[in-house]
């Protein structure tokens, strides 16, 4: 039985409809918005209808827990009359009907749950509410065809993406290993580099957090995720439709989102936003297998780690200090950091609604601190094993780091004070490419002007031209201005670097001697 629901616009593919005409099925979703940087906008239905559905669902859960299954089922049917595609309500109705031994009716409710988006076989196998259905032929047939159902759901998600992002120039690629289905507007080279970047993120996550996340046998029941990498104008239209007009205004504009219900990831850039949201996909898969729902500080702290990464000795990638660590350092300086145990118990609406930049930054730096001490994998293993005893993660921190939380807070703050500040702007006299840039469309900053004094200098930025897209410095990706500034901050005036760029359809590299801004 599930106590919360979120809007789902999932629609089954035709193959799924055909399969479900022969067999009933169920799906239950442990609902959490991993990766969402804002709450979804109101559904197309009036606000009072949404409130009414939520109220009915909450009351149904209360009645179910009180074993008033008839009363719970009546409330769920009322909710479904208002919003038929609420697959969690269909699933909960199946639980009620199963508890009343109305197994065929329960199976039909499970059919509806799958039709409207359920894809969690792990929950289906674990849920004690479904115990009466375990030997039902429909239940068994469903599990026997689960891989085909997941592919049908993937194809349905791609169809939805084509409908919202209909340009035929978008490329589509299926990644079997990561279980991702891409629809991308970027050119072939940029797209290939972005996919390679996600491979590196998955490799880092496997080494440092989720050791079995890429295991082929364990992945068999993982849902596919549709990844859309749209043009900027298409992204703006999409984000406004999902999160409302306010989401595209001002400095708080959302850069990407993983919609868990729809199994869809959309990112405006190929850098930090894409890496962050992809980590949400991996984290969600881990939580689904474990049957756990981790608090928001863990969700966002872990996923923010991969926003900024550098190459380590030996060629591996690892999280790097960033503008978020700068925020945490400033908070520490003015004694505004909260104790970790307080951060760990913050509800989602406060974490994302009150001082979100501060909360995200502290969560990231706590896990950066743990990772730099080589204890992140040990923490996650300890945390998930003891989740029922302490879902906050604090006890696991104490065990992984071998000290009480008071000492962890003290060492964390001292470590934070010693971290270097990361450049957020190129100050006068600091190393620069000798160009003026503006935000691009997600592939990298765009050159606006080139300093005329550099045109006659050998090995200078004079070879760059307006409208060139700067994609990397010495092989380090620069997908946005913040990333470019951070990378340049590692060099001095006079250093030579290799600049990767795209000019229209052509890609190239040039050697540039950095000059003082």
Protein backbone atom coordinates (compact mmCIF):
# COMPACT_ATOMS: atom_id res chain seq x y z
CA UNK A 1 0.00 0.00 0.00
CA UNK A 2 1.38 3.39 -0.98
CA UNK A 3 0.67 6.60 0.87
CA UNK A 4 1.65 9.23 -1.71
CA UNK A 5 1.23 9.73 -5.41
CA UNK A 6 2.65 12.09 -8.00
CA UNK A 7 1.33 12.94 -11.44
CA UNK A 8 2.15 10.39 -14.10
CA UNK A 9 1.60 11.03 -17.76
CA UNK A 10 2.74 7.56 -18.78
CA UNK A 11 0.89 5.88 -21.61
CA UNK A 12 1.42 2.22 -22.50
CA UNK A 13 2.81 1.24 -25.87
CA UNK A 14 0.60 -0.74 -28.21
CA UNK A 15 2.55 -3.95 -27.53
CA UNK A 16 1.89 -3.49 -23.82
CA UNK A 17 -1.84 -3.14 -24.45
CA UNK A 18 -1.83 -6.38 -26.44
CA UNK A 19 0.00 -8.22 -23.70
CA UNK A 20 -2.31 -6.90 -21.02
CA UNK A 21 -5.36 -8.02 -22.96
CA UNK A 22 -4.24 -11.58 -22.14
CA UNK A 23 -2.85 -11.12 -18.63
CA UNK A 24 -3.31 -8.93 -15.61
CA UNK A 25 -0.40 -7.30 -13.86
CA UNK A 26 0.57 -5.00 -11.06
CA UNK A 27 3.11 -2.43 -10.42
CA UNK A 28 3.84 -0.47 -7.32
CA UNK A 29 6.00 2.60 -7.15
CA UNK A 30 7.86 3.75 -4.09
CA UNK A 31 7.30 7.37 -4.91
CA UNK A 32 10.19 9.80 -4.55
CA UNK A 33 11.33 12.59 -6.83
CA UNK A 34 15.03 11.75 -7.09
CA UNK A 35 16.73 14.49 -9.08
CA UNK A 36 13.86 16.94 -9.15
CA UNK A 37 15.06 20.42 -8.30
CA UNK A 38 11.50 21.71 -7.86
CA UNK A 39 8.07 20.32 -7.20
CA UNK A 40 5.99 19.52 -10.30
CA UNK A 41 3.57 22.12 -11.52
CA UNK A 42 -0.16 21.62 -11.15
CA UNK A 43 -1.62 18.98 -13.43
CA UNK A 44 -3.98 20.02 -16.22
CA UNK A 45 -6.89 19.29 -13.87
CA UNK A 46 -8.05 22.09 -11.54
CA UNK A 47 -6.20 22.47 -8.26
CA UNK A 48 -9.26 21.47 -6.27
CA UNK A 49 -9.42 18.16 -8.14
CA UNK A 50 -5.79 17.39 -7.32
CA UNK A 51 -6.37 18.26 -3.67
CA UNK A 52 -9.47 16.07 -3.63
CA UNK A 53 -7.60 13.10 -5.11
CA UNK A 54 -4.77 13.49 -2.58
CA UNK A 55 -7.22 13.66 0.30
CA UNK A 56 -9.09 10.58 -0.87
CA UNK A 57 -5.84 8.65 -1.28
CA UNK A 58 -4.61 9.58 2.20
CA UNK A 59 -7.90 8.55 3.76
CA UNK A 60 -7.81 5.27 1.83
CA UNK A 61 -4.40 4.47 3.26
CA UNK A 62 -5.64 5.13 6.78
CA UNK A 63 -8.59 2.82 6.26
CA UNK A 64 -6.38 0.13 4.72
CA UNK A 65 -4.02 0.25 7.70
CA UNK A 66 -7.06 -0.04 9.94
CA UNK A 67 -8.13 -3.12 7.92
CA UNK A 68 -11.25 -1.41 6.59
CA UNK A 69 -10.59 -2.73 3.09
CA UNK A 70 -14.09 -2.04 1.77
CA UNK A 71 -13.90 1.57 2.93
CA UNK A 72 -10.42 2.01 1.44
CA UNK A 73 -11.52 0.54 -1.90
CA UNK A 74 -14.53 2.88 -2.06
CA UNK A 75 -12.30 5.92 -1.51
CA UNK A 76 -9.81 4.75 -4.14
CA UNK A 77 -12.56 4.24 -6.71
CA UNK A 78 -13.74 7.77 -6.01
CA UNK A 79 -10.20 9.05 -6.54
CA UNK A 80 -9.85 7.10 -9.79
CA UNK A 81 -13.11 8.54 -11.08
CA UNK A 82 -11.40 11.95 -10.83
CA UNK A 83 -8.00 10.84 -12.16
CA UNK A 84 -8.06 7.52 -13.95
CA UNK A 85 -4.32 7.40 -14.76
CA UNK A 86 -3.25 7.41 -11.09
CA UNK A 87 -1.39 4.10 -11.17
CA UNK A 88 -0.57 4.14 -7.46
CA UNK A 89 -4.30 4.34 -6.70
CA UNK A 90 -4.90 1.38 -9.03
CA UNK A 91 -2.16 -0.53 -7.23
CA UNK A 92 -3.59 0.30 -3.82
CA UNK A 93 -7.01 -0.80 -5.02
CA UNK A 94 -5.45 -4.12 -6.05
CA UNK A 95 -4.06 -4.47 -2.53
CA UNK A 96 -7.51 -3.86 -1.03
CA UNK A 97 -9.18 -6.36 -3.35
CA UNK A 98 -6.48 -8.96 -2.67
CA UNK A 99 -6.99 -8.52 1.07
CA UNK A 100 -10.70 -9.23 0.50
CA UNK A 101 -9.79 -12.37 -1.51
CA UNK A 102 -11.33 -10.91 -4.66
CA UNK A 103 -8.35 -12.11 -6.63
CA UNK A 104 -9.63 -11.75 -10.20
CA UNK A 105 -10.76 -8.18 -9.50
CA UNK A 106 -7.40 -7.50 -7.87
CA UNK A 107 -5.65 -8.80 -10.98
CA UNK A 108 -7.67 -6.45 -13.18
CA UNK A 109 -6.73 -3.51 -10.95
CA UNK A 110 -3.11 -4.55 -11.34
CA UNK A 111 -3.56 -4.49 -15.10
CA UNK A 112 -4.58 -0.86 -14.83
CA UNK A 113 -1.60 -0.08 -12.59
CA UNK A 114 0.78 -1.36 -15.26
CA UNK A 115 -1.13 0.34 -18.05
CA UNK A 116 -0.60 3.69 -16.37
CA UNK A 117 3.09 3.33 -15.59
CA UNK A 118 4.09 0.82 -12.92
CA UNK A 119 7.45 -0.86 -13.59
CA UNK A 120 8.70 -2.09 -10.20
CA UNK A 121 8.94 -5.87 -10.08
CA UNK A 122 10.98 -5.69 -6.87
CA UNK A 123 8.09 -4.07 -5.01
CA UNK A 124 5.67 -6.48 -6.60
CA UNK A 125 7.60 -9.46 -5.23
CA UNK A 126 8.11 -7.93 -1.77
CA UNK A 127 4.73 -6.43 -0.98
CA UNK A 128 2.93 -8.57 1.63
CA UNK A 129 -0.37 -7.02 0.50
CA UNK A 130 -0.07 -9.02 -2.71
CA UNK A 131 0.57 -12.34 -0.97
CA UNK A 132 -2.89 -13.72 -1.91
CA UNK A 133 -2.03 -13.15 -5.59
CA UNK A 134 1.35 -14.88 -5.59
CA UNK A 135 0.02 -18.02 -7.32
CA UNK A 136 -2.56 -16.30 -9.49
CA UNK A 137 -1.87 -17.14 -13.17
CA UNK A 138 -2.02 -13.48 -14.14
CA UNK A 139 0.61 -12.54 -11.54
CA UNK A 140 2.89 -15.36 -12.66
CA UNK A 141 2.50 -14.54 -16.33
CA UNK A 142 3.27 -10.93 -15.67
CA UNK A 143 6.55 -11.71 -13.92
CA UNK A 144 7.41 -14.18 -16.66
CA UNK A 145 7.05 -11.42 -19.26
CA UNK A 146 8.58 -8.63 -17.20
CA UNK A 147 11.55 -7.89 -19.53
CA UNK A 148 9.16 -7.51 -22.47
CA UNK A 149 6.94 -5.20 -20.42
CA UNK A 150 9.91 -3.04 -19.52
CA UNK A 151 10.87 -2.73 -23.19
CA UNK A 152 7.27 -1.86 -24.07
CA UNK A 153 7.29 0.82 -21.37
CA UNK A 154 10.59 2.15 -22.73
CA UNK A 155 9.16 2.36 -26.23
CA UNK A 156 6.09 4.10 -24.86
CA UNK A 157 8.36 6.65 -23.18
CA UNK A 158 10.20 7.23 -26.45
CA UNK A 159 6.90 7.75 -28.21
CA UNK A 160 5.92 10.37 -25.64
CA UNK A 161 9.30 12.08 -26.10
CA UNK A 162 8.81 12.16 -29.87
CA UNK A 163 5.41 13.75 -29.40
CA UNK A 164 6.76 16.54 -27.20
CA UNK A 165 10.11 16.87 -29.03
CA UNK A 166 8.97 16.05 -32.59
CA UNK A 167 11.90 17.41 -34.63
CA UNK A 168 13.13 14.64 -36.94
CA UNK A 169 16.69 15.89 -36.54
CA UNK A 170 16.77 14.42 -33.02
CA UNK A 171 18.84 11.24 -32.86
CA UNK A 172 17.66 8.14 -31.00
CA UNK A 173 20.06 5.61 -29.45
CA UNK A 174 19.42 2.63 -27.18
CA UNK A 175 22.09 1.98 -24.53
CA UNK A 176 21.55 -1.59 -23.35
CA UNK A 177 24.25 -1.50 -20.67
CA UNK A 178 22.97 1.61 -18.88
CA UNK A 179 19.34 0.84 -19.82
CA UNK A 180 18.88 4.30 -21.30
CA UNK A 181 16.96 5.32 -24.42
CA UNK A 182 18.23 8.65 -25.76
CA UNK A 183 16.53 11.30 -27.85
CA UNK A 184 19.13 14.00 -28.48
CA UNK A 185 19.38 17.21 -30.47
CA UNK A 186 23.18 17.58 -30.22
CA UNK A 187 25.54 16.67 -33.02
CA UNK A 188 27.07 13.21 -33.19
CA UNK A 189 30.42 14.07 -31.59
CA UNK A 190 28.95 16.08 -28.70
CA UNK A 191 26.40 13.36 -28.07
CA UNK A 192 29.10 10.66 -28.05
CA UNK A 193 31.17 12.65 -25.55
CA UNK A 194 28.14 13.08 -23.28
CA UNK A 195 27.45 9.34 -23.35
CA UNK A 196 31.10 8.63 -22.52
CA UNK A 197 30.76 11.05 -19.60
CA UNK A 198 27.82 9.06 -18.21
CA UNK A 199 29.85 5.87 -18.57
CA UNK A 200 32.52 7.46 -16.37
CA UNK A 201 29.89 8.54 -13.83
CA UNK A 202 28.52 4.99 -13.71
CA UNK A 203 32.04 3.61 -13.25
CA UNK A 204 32.75 6.05 -10.41
CA UNK A 205 29.41 5.27 -8.74
CA UNK A 206 30.10 1.53 -8.99
CA UNK A 207 33.51 1.91 -7.34
CA UNK A 208 32.41 4.31 -4.63
CA UNK A 209 28.72 3.85 -3.78
CA UNK A 210 26.69 1.14 -5.57
CA UNK A 211 29.00 -1.85 -6.18
CA UNK A 212 26.36 -4.01 -7.91
CA UNK A 213 24.51 -1.30 -9.81
CA UNK A 214 25.87 -2.42 -13.20
CA UNK A 215 25.55 -6.15 -12.51
CA UNK A 216 23.81 -7.62 -15.55
CA UNK A 217 21.68 -10.11 -13.64
CA UNK A 218 20.63 -7.53 -11.04
CA UNK A 219 19.77 -5.04 -13.81
CA UNK A 220 17.30 -7.37 -15.49
CA UNK A 221 14.33 -5.91 -13.61
CA UNK A 222 15.52 -2.28 -13.66
CA UNK A 223 13.23 0.09 -15.52
CA UNK A 224 14.52 1.78 -18.65
CA UNK A 225 14.85 5.56 -18.57
CA UNK A 226 14.29 7.86 -21.53
CA UNK A 227 16.95 10.59 -21.67
CA UNK A 228 16.04 13.68 -23.68
CA UNK A 229 18.80 16.17 -24.56
CA UNK A 230 16.81 18.87 -26.33
CA UNK A 231 17.46 22.16 -28.02
CA UNK A 232 17.30 25.07 -25.62
CA UNK A 233 13.99 26.38 -26.97
CA UNK A 234 12.43 22.91 -26.69
CA UNK A 235 13.74 22.55 -23.14
CA UNK A 236 12.23 25.88 -22.11
CA UNK A 237 8.86 24.86 -23.53
CA UNK A 238 9.03 21.49 -21.75
CA UNK A 239 10.15 22.79 -18.36
CA UNK A 240 7.38 25.40 -18.34
CA UNK A 241 4.81 22.72 -19.13
CA UNK A 242 5.99 20.46 -16.28
CA UNK A 243 7.06 22.89 -13.55
CA UNK A 244 5.25 26.09 -14.49
CA UNK A 245 6.33 29.44 -15.90
CA UNK A 246 8.28 30.39 -12.77
CA UNK A 247 10.74 27.56 -13.48
CA UNK A 248 12.17 29.41 -16.50
CA UNK A 249 12.55 32.79 -14.86
CA UNK A 250 15.48 34.33 -13.06
CA UNK A 251 18.51 32.66 -11.53
CA UNK A 252 16.56 29.70 -10.15
CA UNK A 253 15.78 28.18 -13.54
CA UNK A 254 15.84 24.40 -13.46
CA UNK A 255 18.68 22.91 -15.50
CA UNK A 256 17.39 19.37 -15.61
CA UNK A 257 15.00 16.91 -14.05
CA UNK A 258 14.52 13.22 -13.53
CA UNK A 259 10.76 12.54 -13.50
CA UNK A 260 10.64 9.28 -11.66
CA UNK A 261 7.01 8.45 -12.37
CA UNK A 262 7.52 8.89 -16.11
CA UNK A 263 11.06 7.37 -16.08
CA UNK A 264 12.25 10.38 -18.06
CA UNK A 265 15.38 12.50 -17.69
CA UNK A 266 15.57 15.86 -19.47
CA UNK A 267 18.68 18.06 -19.29
CA UNK A 268 19.46 21.45 -20.75
CA UNK A 269 23.21 20.77 -20.80
CA UNK A 270 25.61 17.90 -21.36
CA UNK A 271 27.56 18.64 -18.18
CA UNK A 272 26.67 19.12 -14.53
CA UNK A 273 22.88 18.91 -14.93
CA UNK A 274 23.06 15.70 -16.96
CA UNK A 275 25.53 14.07 -14.56
CA UNK A 276 23.43 15.05 -11.53
CA UNK A 277 20.18 13.70 -12.96
CA UNK A 278 21.84 10.50 -14.19
CA UNK A 279 23.10 9.86 -10.66
CA UNK A 280 19.49 10.13 -9.55
CA UNK A 281 18.67 7.33 -12.01
CA UNK A 282 21.39 5.12 -10.50
CA UNK A 283 20.40 5.98 -6.94
CA UNK A 284 16.75 5.27 -7.69
CA UNK A 285 17.68 1.86 -9.12
CA UNK A 286 19.59 1.05 -5.95
CA UNK A 287 16.67 2.17 -3.75
CA UNK A 288 14.20 0.18 -5.84
CA UNK A 289 16.20 -3.01 -5.44
CA UNK A 290 16.55 -2.41 -1.69
CA UNK A 291 12.95 -1.34 -1.13
CA UNK A 292 14.13 1.86 0.56
CA UNK A 293 13.34 5.54 0.23
CA UNK A 294 16.29 7.71 1.21
CA UNK A 295 15.84 11.22 2.65
CA UNK A 296 16.36 14.24 0.46
CA UNK A 297 19.75 15.24 1.91
CA UNK A 298 21.16 11.87 0.82
CA UNK A 299 19.47 12.01 -2.57
CA UNK A 300 20.79 15.45 -3.42
CA UNK A 301 24.09 15.16 -1.59
CA UNK A 302 25.14 12.04 -3.47
CA UNK A 303 23.89 13.25 -6.84
CA UNK A 304 25.50 16.68 -6.48
CA UNK A 305 28.88 15.00 -6.04
CA UNK A 306 29.21 14.26 -9.76
CA UNK A 307 28.28 17.76 -10.94
CA UNK A 308 31.96 18.77 -10.93
CA UNK A 309 34.55 16.07 -11.54
CA UNK A 310 38.25 16.07 -12.40
CA UNK A 311 40.57 13.38 -13.69
CA UNK A 312 42.56 11.74 -10.91
CA UNK A 313 45.99 10.10 -11.11
CA UNK A 314 45.54 6.87 -13.03
CA UNK A 315 42.85 8.26 -15.31
CA UNK A 316 39.85 7.80 -13.04
CA UNK A 317 37.36 10.60 -12.43
CA UNK A 318 36.48 11.98 -9.01
CA UNK A 319 34.40 14.78 -7.47
CA UNK A 320 36.10 18.16 -7.22
CA UNK A 321 35.57 21.30 -5.11
CA UNK A 322 33.15 23.63 -6.85
CA UNK A 323 30.97 26.68 -6.44
CA UNK A 324 28.90 24.60 -4.03
CA UNK A 325 31.90 24.12 -1.74
CA UNK A 326 32.40 27.89 -1.86
CA UNK A 327 28.86 28.35 -0.52
CA UNK A 328 29.49 25.86 2.28
CA UNK A 329 32.77 27.58 3.17
CA UNK A 330 30.98 30.94 3.45
CA UNK A 331 28.31 29.37 5.65
CA UNK A 332 30.99 27.92 7.91
CA UNK A 333 32.75 31.28 8.10
CA UNK A 334 29.64 33.01 9.41
CA UNK A 335 28.72 30.04 11.65
CA UNK A 336 25.60 29.29 9.61
CA UNK A 337 26.30 25.61 8.91
CA UNK A 338 23.76 23.39 10.62
CA UNK A 339 24.84 20.24 12.47
CA UNK A 340 24.84 17.23 10.16
CA UNK A 341 22.23 15.47 12.29
CA UNK A 342 19.90 18.44 11.77
CA UNK A 343 20.48 18.43 8.00
CA UNK A 344 19.80 14.69 7.97
CA UNK A 345 16.30 15.09 9.43
CA UNK A 346 15.17 18.02 7.28
CA UNK A 347 11.93 17.28 5.40
CA UNK A 348 11.96 17.62 1.63
CA UNK A 349 9.72 20.71 1.48
CA UNK A 350 12.14 22.59 3.74
CA UNK A 351 15.29 21.27 2.04
CA UNK A 352 14.15 22.40 -1.40
CA UNK A 353 12.07 25.37 -0.31
CA UNK A 354 14.12 27.18 2.34
CA UNK A 355 17.71 28.16 1.48
CA UNK A 356 17.98 25.39 -1.14
CA UNK A 357 21.43 26.51 -2.35
CA UNK A 358 22.77 26.32 1.19
CA UNK A 359 21.18 22.92 1.81
CA UNK A 360 22.38 21.39 -1.45
CA UNK A 361 25.86 22.77 -0.86
CA UNK A 362 26.18 21.43 2.66
CA UNK A 363 24.82 18.02 1.64
CA UNK A 364 27.36 17.82 -1.21
CA UNK A 365 30.29 18.82 0.97
CA UNK A 366 29.39 16.30 3.69
CA UNK A 367 29.63 13.49 1.15
CA UNK A 368 32.72 15.00 -0.47
CA UNK A 369 34.28 14.93 3.01
CA UNK A 370 33.32 11.27 3.45
CA UNK A 371 34.56 10.34 -0.04
CA UNK A 372 37.93 12.06 0.43
CA UNK A 373 38.42 9.96 3.55
CA UNK A 374 37.80 6.79 1.54
CA UNK A 375 34.68 5.93 3.53
CA UNK A 376 31.82 6.55 1.08
CA UNK A 377 31.35 2.94 -0.04
CA UNK A 378 31.55 1.75 3.57
CA UNK A 379 29.01 4.37 4.61
CA UNK A 380 26.48 3.35 1.92
CA UNK A 381 26.84 -0.35 2.71
CA UNK A 382 26.40 0.30 6.44
CA UNK A 383 23.56 2.73 5.84
CA UNK A 384 21.48 0.49 3.61
CA UNK A 385 22.06 -2.54 5.87
CA UNK A 386 20.83 -0.59 8.90
CA UNK A 387 18.24 1.54 7.14
CA UNK A 388 15.33 0.24 9.22
CA UNK A 389 17.10 1.27 12.45
CA UNK A 390 18.26 4.71 11.26
CA UNK A 391 17.00 6.01 7.90
CA UNK A 392 18.71 9.39 8.44
CA UNK A 393 22.21 8.04 7.72
CA UNK A 394 23.81 9.56 10.85
CA UNK A 395 24.53 6.26 12.60
CA UNK A 396 26.13 4.94 9.43
CA UNK A 397 28.36 8.03 9.29
CA UNK A 398 29.52 7.34 12.84
CA UNK A 399 30.30 3.71 12.00
CA UNK A 400 31.99 4.45 8.66
CA UNK A 401 34.19 7.23 10.06
CA UNK A 402 34.74 5.63 13.46
CA UNK A 403 33.76 8.60 15.61
CA UNK A 404 30.66 10.14 17.19
CA UNK A 405 28.67 12.71 15.24
CA UNK A 406 29.96 15.58 17.41
CA UNK A 407 33.52 14.78 16.33
CA UNK A 408 32.42 14.34 12.71
CA UNK A 409 30.86 17.80 12.75
CA UNK A 410 34.06 19.27 14.16
CA UNK A 411 36.36 17.55 11.65
CA UNK A 412 34.02 18.32 8.76
CA UNK A 413 34.06 22.04 9.57
CA UNK A 414 37.85 22.06 9.91
CA UNK A 415 38.21 20.24 6.57
CA UNK A 416 35.84 22.73 4.96
CA UNK A 417 37.89 25.69 6.20
CA UNK A 418 41.01 24.20 4.58
CA UNK A 419 39.39 23.65 1.17
CA UNK A 420 40.53 26.14 -1.48
CA UNK A 421 38.04 28.64 -2.83
CA UNK A 422 37.10 27.78 -6.41
CA UNK A 423 37.10 30.65 -8.94
CA UNK A 424 33.59 31.71 -9.86
CA UNK A 425 34.69 34.60 -12.09
CA UNK A 426 37.91 35.37 -13.93
CA UNK A 427 39.33 38.26 -11.96
CA UNK A 428 41.57 40.94 -13.55
CA UNK A 429 45.11 39.61 -13.87
CA UNK A 430 44.05 35.94 -13.79
CA UNK A 431 44.55 33.46 -16.62
CA UNK A 432 42.04 33.68 -19.45
CA UNK A 433 41.62 32.68 -23.08
CA UNK A 434 41.47 36.33 -24.16
CA UNK A 435 37.88 36.04 -25.32
CA UNK A 436 34.43 37.13 -24.22
CA UNK A 437 31.84 34.39 -23.93
CA UNK A 438 28.16 33.84 -23.25
CA UNK A 439 26.10 30.86 -22.18
CA UNK A 440 25.58 28.33 -24.92
CA UNK A 441 22.91 25.72 -25.53
CA UNK A 442 24.37 23.04 -23.26
CA UNK A 443 27.41 21.92 -25.22
CA UNK A 444 29.69 24.72 -23.97
CA UNK A 445 30.12 28.52 -23.76
CA UNK A 446 29.93 30.44 -27.03
CA UNK A 447 32.63 32.90 -28.12
CA UNK A 448 31.28 36.43 -28.53
CA UNK A 449 34.45 38.41 -29.25
CA UNK A 450 38.21 37.80 -29.43
CA UNK A 451 40.60 40.42 -28.05
CA UNK A 452 42.08 42.24 -31.08
CA UNK A 453 45.46 42.53 -29.39
CA UNK A 454 45.80 38.76 -29.65
CA UNK A 455 45.32 38.44 -33.36
CA UNK A 456 49.03 38.77 -34.20
CA UNK A 457 50.26 36.66 -31.29
CA UNK A 458 51.33 33.09 -32.14
CA UNK A 459 49.66 30.26 -30.25
CA UNK A 460 46.99 32.66 -29.07
CA UNK A 461 43.22 32.64 -29.02
CA UNK A 462 43.21 34.51 -32.31
CA UNK A 463 42.34 31.24 -34.08
CA UNK A 464 39.01 31.20 -32.26
CA UNK A 465 36.11 33.01 -33.87
CA UNK A 466 32.79 34.42 -32.72
CA UNK A 467 30.09 31.73 -32.41
CA UNK A 468 32.69 28.98 -31.76
CA UNK A 469 31.60 26.68 -28.92
CA UNK A 470 34.29 25.93 -26.32
CA UNK A 471 33.81 22.29 -25.33
CA UNK A 472 36.98 21.41 -23.36
CA UNK A 473 40.32 22.65 -22.00
CA UNK A 474 43.08 20.02 -22.07
CA UNK A 475 40.37 17.40 -22.39
CA UNK A 476 38.43 18.69 -19.35
CA UNK A 477 34.84 19.29 -20.36
CA UNK A 478 33.57 22.88 -20.16
CA UNK A 479 29.83 22.51 -20.71
CA UNK A 480 28.90 25.84 -19.12
CA UNK A 481 30.55 29.07 -18.01
CA UNK A 482 30.93 27.97 -14.39
CA UNK A 483 32.75 24.82 -15.49
CA UNK A 484 35.01 26.80 -17.86
CA UNK A 485 35.91 29.28 -15.09
CA UNK A 486 36.62 26.46 -12.64
CA UNK A 487 38.89 24.67 -15.11
CA UNK A 488 40.78 27.83 -16.08
CA UNK A 489 41.32 28.56 -12.39
CA UNK A 490 43.76 25.62 -12.32
CA UNK A 491 46.17 27.42 -14.70
CA UNK A 492 48.43 30.48 -14.66
CA UNK A 493 49.01 33.31 -17.11
CA UNK A 494 51.46 32.07 -19.76
CA UNK A 495 50.45 28.40 -19.56
CA UNK A 496 49.63 26.69 -22.85
CA UNK A 497 46.44 24.67 -23.09
CA UNK A 498 44.63 22.73 -25.79
CA UNK A 499 41.20 24.17 -26.48
CA UNK A 500 38.56 21.91 -28.02
CA UNK A 501 35.84 23.73 -29.93
CA UNK A 502 33.01 23.27 -32.38
CA UNK A 503 32.56 25.59 -35.35
CA UNK A 504 29.25 24.88 -37.05
CA UNK A 505 29.52 21.17 -37.93
CA UNK A 506 33.31 21.02 -37.57
CA UNK A 507 35.25 20.11 -34.42
CA UNK A 508 38.84 21.07 -33.76
CA UNK A 509 41.61 21.70 -31.24
CA UNK A 510 44.09 24.55 -31.01
CA UNK A 511 46.96 25.45 -28.68
CA UNK A 512 46.34 28.65 -26.75
CA UNK A 513 48.71 30.61 -24.47
CA UNK A 514 46.69 31.94 -21.58
CA UNK A 515 46.79 35.70 -21.08
CA UNK A 516 45.89 37.97 -18.19
CA UNK A 517 42.31 39.09 -18.16
